[in-house]
Protein backbone atom coordinates (compact mmCIF):
# COMPACT_ATOMS: atom_id res chain seq x y z
CA MET A 1 0.03 -0.12 0.02
CA ARG A 2 1.44 3.46 -0.90
CA THR A 3 1.43 6.29 1.55
CA LYS A 4 0.01 9.53 1.16
CA THR A 5 3.36 10.83 0.66
CA GLU A 6 4.20 8.69 -2.05
CA LYS A 7 0.94 9.31 -3.84
CA ALA A 8 1.39 13.01 -3.28
CA VAL A 9 5.14 12.91 -4.93
CA LYS A 10 4.10 10.69 -7.72
CA LEU A 11 1.28 13.10 -8.67
CA PHE A 12 3.89 16.03 -8.16
CA LYS A 13 6.19 14.63 -10.52
CA SER A 14 3.40 13.62 -13.11
CA GLY A 15 2.31 17.19 -13.22
CA CYS A 16 -0.72 16.96 -11.40
CA LEU A 17 -0.26 19.90 -9.12
CA LYS A 18 -3.71 20.56 -8.15
CA GLU A 19 -4.09 16.89 -6.99
CA ALA A 20 -0.65 16.71 -5.17
CA LEU A 21 -1.21 20.05 -3.13
CA ALA A 22 -4.73 18.87 -2.17
CA ILE A 23 -2.70 15.96 -0.49
CA PHE A 24 0.16 18.08 0.77
CA ARG A 25 -1.80 20.52 2.22
CA THR A 26 -3.45 18.18 4.83
CA PHE A 27 0.32 17.45 6.28
CA ARG A 28 0.92 18.55 9.78
CA ILE A 29 4.37 17.35 10.26
CA GLY A 30 7.09 18.08 8.13
CA PHE A 31 6.01 21.92 7.22
CA SER A 32 6.23 25.25 8.88
CA LYS A 33 3.33 27.16 9.71
CA GLU A 34 4.17 29.59 6.70
CA GLU A 35 4.90 26.69 4.50
CA ARG A 36 1.48 25.09 5.09
CA ARG A 37 -0.47 28.13 4.65
CA THR A 38 1.29 28.61 1.31
CA LEU A 39 0.40 25.33 0.48
CA GLN A 40 -3.39 25.84 1.47
CA ILE A 41 -3.59 29.13 -0.79
CA ALA A 42 -1.76 27.49 -3.64
CA SER A 43 -4.14 24.63 -3.43
CA GLU A 44 -7.32 26.94 -3.25
CA SER A 45 -5.98 29.17 -6.11
CA LEU A 46 -6.09 26.22 -8.25
CA THR A 47 -9.43 24.91 -7.35
CA GLY A 48 -10.90 28.25 -8.34
CA ASN A 49 -10.98 30.27 -5.26
CA SER A 50 -8.12 32.37 -6.82
CA GLY A 51 -10.10 35.60 -7.00
CA PHE A 52 -10.82 35.76 -3.35
CA TYR A 53 -7.18 35.82 -2.66
CA HIS A 54 -6.70 38.54 -4.94
CA GLN A 55 -9.25 40.54 -3.22
CA LEU A 56 -6.85 40.20 0.06
CA GLY A 57 -3.84 41.08 -2.08
CA ILE A 58 -2.22 38.12 -2.18
CA ASP A 59 -0.35 37.12 -5.23
CA THR A 60 -1.62 33.43 -6.20
CA ASP A 61 0.87 33.01 -8.92
CA TYR A 62 3.67 33.61 -6.70
CA MET A 63 2.07 31.07 -3.76
CA ILE A 64 1.91 28.55 -6.57
CA MET A 65 5.57 28.94 -7.63
CA LYS A 66 6.49 29.03 -3.99
CA SER A 67 4.53 25.58 -3.25
CA LYS A 68 6.29 24.08 -6.01
CA GLU A 69 9.68 25.17 -4.42
CA ILE A 70 8.61 23.74 -1.12
CA ILE A 71 7.61 20.53 -2.22
CA THR A 72 10.73 20.08 -4.53
CA GLU A 73 12.99 20.98 -1.43
CA LYS A 74 11.49 18.70 1.02
CA TYR A 75 10.73 15.70 -1.11
CA LEU A 76 12.63 15.91 -4.36
CA SER A 77 15.97 17.43 -3.42
CA ASN A 78 17.75 14.15 -2.20
CA GLU A 79 16.79 12.54 -5.77
CA LYS A 80 19.36 12.04 -8.43
CA VAL A 81 17.78 14.19 -11.51
């Protein structure tokens, strides 16, 4: 049986960012409070709530880019490319 982490990493590698973030945003361990918030905003932006965050003055494109960096740093930085 695959773990949530394995499933999320596989989705991320295959380019399914929305689905991967839906899993990563539920993680409580391994991410700081700020990182969890970034993943949450990026996930919600990709599911159609970006307008809400734009109204709050949050750059959703930056949050999505930052979420990719966070996941890459935490889960893919040890792998050989």
